[in-house]
């Protein structure tokens, strides 16, 4: 019997809230297309656009950072984006895949 992990279950729930047609998904894709690769930098851009809350943890990281990473990870699963680097727990670097 296959069991889902908590992360898989949470990921499925979050991506249902942000399907490819959602404003957040579309905005993240546009940021990737414009060369923004840092998940943290994407959060800051999305906060400025009013798509994310400016609420922050005591570390000053946006509280919506995990949601942005979940959308990006879903793009990785869809083979549209690749995860290039995980900078410890501080940031993640992504890039659009280039198709020939």
C-alpha atoms as a PDB file:
ATOM      1  CA  UNK A   1       0.000   0.000   0.000  1.00  0.00           C
ATOM      2  CA  UNK A   2       1.382   3.395  -0.986  1.00  0.00           C
ATOM      3  CA  UNK A   3       1.332   6.069   1.671  1.00  0.00           C
ATOM      4  CA  UNK A   4       1.770   9.771   1.140  1.00  0.00           C
ATOM      5  CA  UNK A   5       4.234  11.682   3.222  1.00  0.00           C
ATOM      6  CA  UNK A   6       3.113  14.815   5.029  1.00  0.00           C
ATOM      7  CA  UNK A   7       5.138  16.930   2.572  1.00  0.00           C
ATOM      8  CA  UNK A   8       3.480  15.255  -0.424  1.00  0.00           C
ATOM      9  CA  UNK A   9       0.042  15.761   1.079  1.00  0.00           C
ATOM     10  CA  UNK A  10       0.776  19.400   1.903  1.00  0.00           C
ATOM     11  CA  UNK A  11       2.228  19.910  -1.572  1.00  0.00           C
ATOM     12  CA  UNK A  12      -0.909  18.519  -3.198  1.00  0.00           C
ATOM     13  CA  UNK A  13      -3.123  20.771  -1.106  1.00  0.00           C
ATOM     14  CA  UNK A  14      -1.070  23.878  -1.857  1.00  0.00           C
ATOM     15  CA  UNK A  15      -0.844  23.231  -5.602  1.00  0.00           C
ATOM     16  CA  UNK A  16      -4.624  22.759  -5.727  1.00  0.00           C
ATOM     17  CA  UNK A  17      -4.837  26.305  -4.383  1.00  0.00           C
ATOM     18  CA  UNK A  18      -2.318  27.551  -6.984  1.00  0.00           C
ATOM     19  CA  UNK A  19      -2.984  25.735 -10.267  1.00  0.00           C
ATOM     20  CA  UNK A  20      -1.113  26.853 -13.421  1.00  0.00           C
ATOM     21  CA  UNK A  21      -3.912  29.326 -14.121  1.00  0.00           C
ATOM     22  CA  UNK A  22      -3.647  31.039 -10.715  1.00  0.00           C
ATOM     23  CA  UNK A  23      -2.256  34.583 -10.456  1.00  0.00           C
ATOM     24  CA  UNK A  24       0.530  33.408  -8.101  1.00  0.00           C
ATOM     25  CA  UNK A  25       1.647  30.602 -10.431  1.00  0.00           C
ATOM     26  CA  UNK A  26       1.553  32.964 -13.446  1.00  0.00           C
ATOM     27  CA  UNK A  27       3.479  35.686 -11.616  1.00  0.00           C
ATOM     28  CA  UNK A  28       6.164  33.244 -10.483  1.00  0.00           C
ATOM     29  CA  UNK A  29       6.532  32.008 -14.062  1.00  0.00           C
ATOM     30  CA  UNK A  30       6.888  35.592 -15.322  1.00  0.00           C
ATOM     31  CA  UNK A  31       9.560  36.282 -12.701  1.00  0.00           C
ATOM     32  CA  UNK A  32      11.464  33.182 -13.809  1.00  0.00           C
ATOM     33  CA  UNK A  33      11.162  34.304 -17.444  1.00  0.00           C
ATOM     34  CA  UNK A  34      12.561  37.723 -16.499  1.00  0.00           C
ATOM     35  CA  UNK A  35      15.622  36.103 -14.915  1.00  0.00           C
ATOM     36  CA  UNK A  36      14.685  36.124 -11.223  1.00  0.00           C
ATOM     37  CA  UNK A  37      15.957  32.816  -9.860  1.00  0.00           C
ATOM     38  CA  UNK A  38      15.916  33.250  -6.071  1.00  0.00           C
ATOM     39  CA  UNK A  39      12.750  32.126  -4.273  1.00  0.00           C
ATOM     40  CA  UNK A  40      13.375  34.802  -1.652  1.00  0.00           C
ATOM     41  CA  UNK A  41      13.722  37.520  -4.286  1.00  0.00           C
ATOM     42  CA  UNK A  42      10.519  36.266  -5.925  1.00  0.00           C
ATOM     43  CA  UNK A  43       8.743  36.674  -2.585  1.00  0.00           C
ATOM     44  CA  UNK A  44       9.916  40.273  -2.313  1.00  0.00           C
ATOM     45  CA  UNK A  45       8.711  41.014  -5.868  1.00  0.00           C
ATOM     46  CA  UNK A  46       5.342  39.373  -5.188  1.00  0.00           C
ATOM     47  CA  UNK A  47       4.960  41.356  -1.969  1.00  0.00           C
ATOM     48  CA  UNK A  48       5.576  44.582  -3.923  1.00  0.00           C
ATOM     49  CA  UNK A  49       2.966  43.467  -6.488  1.00  0.00           C
ATOM     50  CA  UNK A  50       0.475  42.880  -3.675  1.00  0.00           C
ATOM     51  CA  UNK A  51       0.125  39.148  -4.374  1.00  0.00           C
ATOM     52  CA  UNK A  52       1.670  38.126  -1.056  1.00  0.00           C
ATOM     53  CA  UNK A  53       1.356  39.407   2.471  1.00  0.00           C
ATOM     54  CA  UNK A  54       4.243  41.360   3.976  1.00  0.00           C
ATOM     55  CA  UNK A  55       4.005  39.284   7.180  1.00  0.00           C
ATOM     56  CA  UNK A  56       7.417  38.029   8.262  1.00  0.00           C
ATOM     57  CA  UNK A  57       9.031  35.607  10.649  1.00  0.00           C
ATOM     58  CA  UNK A  58      11.456  36.934  13.273  1.00  0.00           C
ATOM     59  CA  UNK A  59      14.239  36.028  10.808  1.00  0.00           C
ATOM     60  CA  UNK A  60      12.665  38.609   8.415  1.00  0.00           C
ATOM     61  CA  UNK A  61      11.828  35.846   5.898  1.00  0.00           C
ATOM     62  CA  UNK A  62       8.354  36.326   4.381  1.00  0.00           C
ATOM     63  CA  UNK A  63       5.740  33.986   5.849  1.00  0.00           C
ATOM     64  CA  UNK A  64       4.608  33.114   2.306  1.00  0.00           C
ATOM     65  CA  UNK A  65       8.092  31.840   1.343  1.00  0.00           C
ATOM     66  CA  UNK A  66       7.062  28.161   1.807  1.00  0.00           C
ATOM     67  CA  UNK A  67       4.056  28.662  -0.479  1.00  0.00           C
ATOM     68  CA  UNK A  68       6.272  30.148  -3.201  1.00  0.00           C
ATOM     69  CA  UNK A  69       8.659  27.186  -2.855  1.00  0.00           C
ATOM     70  CA  UNK A  70       5.745  24.750  -3.124  1.00  0.00           C
ATOM     71  CA  UNK A  71       4.630  26.358  -6.388  1.00  0.00           C
ATOM     72  CA  UNK A  72       8.205  26.250  -7.681  1.00  0.00           C
ATOM     73  CA  UNK A  73       8.572  22.617  -6.608  1.00  0.00           C
ATOM     74  CA  UNK A  74       5.364  21.786  -8.470  1.00  0.00           C
ATOM     75  CA  UNK A  75       6.892  23.407 -11.566  1.00  0.00           C
ATOM     76  CA  UNK A  76       9.929  21.148 -11.038  1.00  0.00           C
ATOM     77  CA  UNK A  77       7.628  18.093 -10.872  1.00  0.00           C
ATOM     78  CA  UNK A  78       5.989  19.266 -14.106  1.00  0.00           C
ATOM     79  CA  UNK A  79       9.496  19.384 -15.656  1.00  0.00           C
ATOM     80  CA  UNK A  80       9.161  23.115 -16.442  1.00  0.00           C
ATOM     81  CA  UNK A  81      11.723  24.352 -13.925  1.00  0.00           C
ATOM     82  CA  UNK A  82      14.876  22.990 -12.346  1.00  0.00           C
ATOM     83  CA  UNK A  83      16.136  23.483  -8.827  1.00  0.00           C
ATOM     84  CA  UNK A  84      19.743  24.637  -9.150  1.00  0.00           C
ATOM     85  CA  UNK A  85      20.772  25.199  -5.556  1.00  0.00           C
ATOM     86  CA  UNK A  86      19.550  25.071  -1.982  1.00  0.00           C
ATOM     87  CA  UNK A  87      21.362  27.663   0.100  1.00  0.00           C
ATOM     88  CA  UNK A  88      21.003  25.888   3.434  1.00  0.00           C
ATOM     89  CA  UNK A  89      17.669  27.043   4.867  1.00  0.00           C
ATOM     90  CA  UNK A  90      18.074  30.595   3.583  1.00  0.00           C
ATOM     91  CA  UNK A  91      17.043  30.401  -0.062  1.00  0.00           C
ATOM     92  CA  UNK A  92      16.537  28.234  -3.137  1.00  0.00           C
ATOM     93  CA  UNK A  93      17.642  28.981  -6.682  1.00  0.00           C
ATOM     94  CA  UNK A  94      15.502  27.874  -9.636  1.00  0.00           C
ATOM     95  CA  UNK A  95      15.597  28.320 -13.383  1.00  0.00           C
ATOM     96  CA  UNK A  96      13.237  27.643 -16.260  1.00  0.00           C
ATOM     97  CA  UNK A  97      14.178  24.600 -18.291  1.00  0.00           C
ATOM     98  CA  UNK A  98      15.231  25.355 -21.821  1.00  0.00           C
ATOM     99  CA  UNK A  99      13.529  23.178 -24.391  1.00  0.00           C
ATOM    100  CA  UNK A 100      15.039  22.766 -27.821  1.00  0.00           C
END
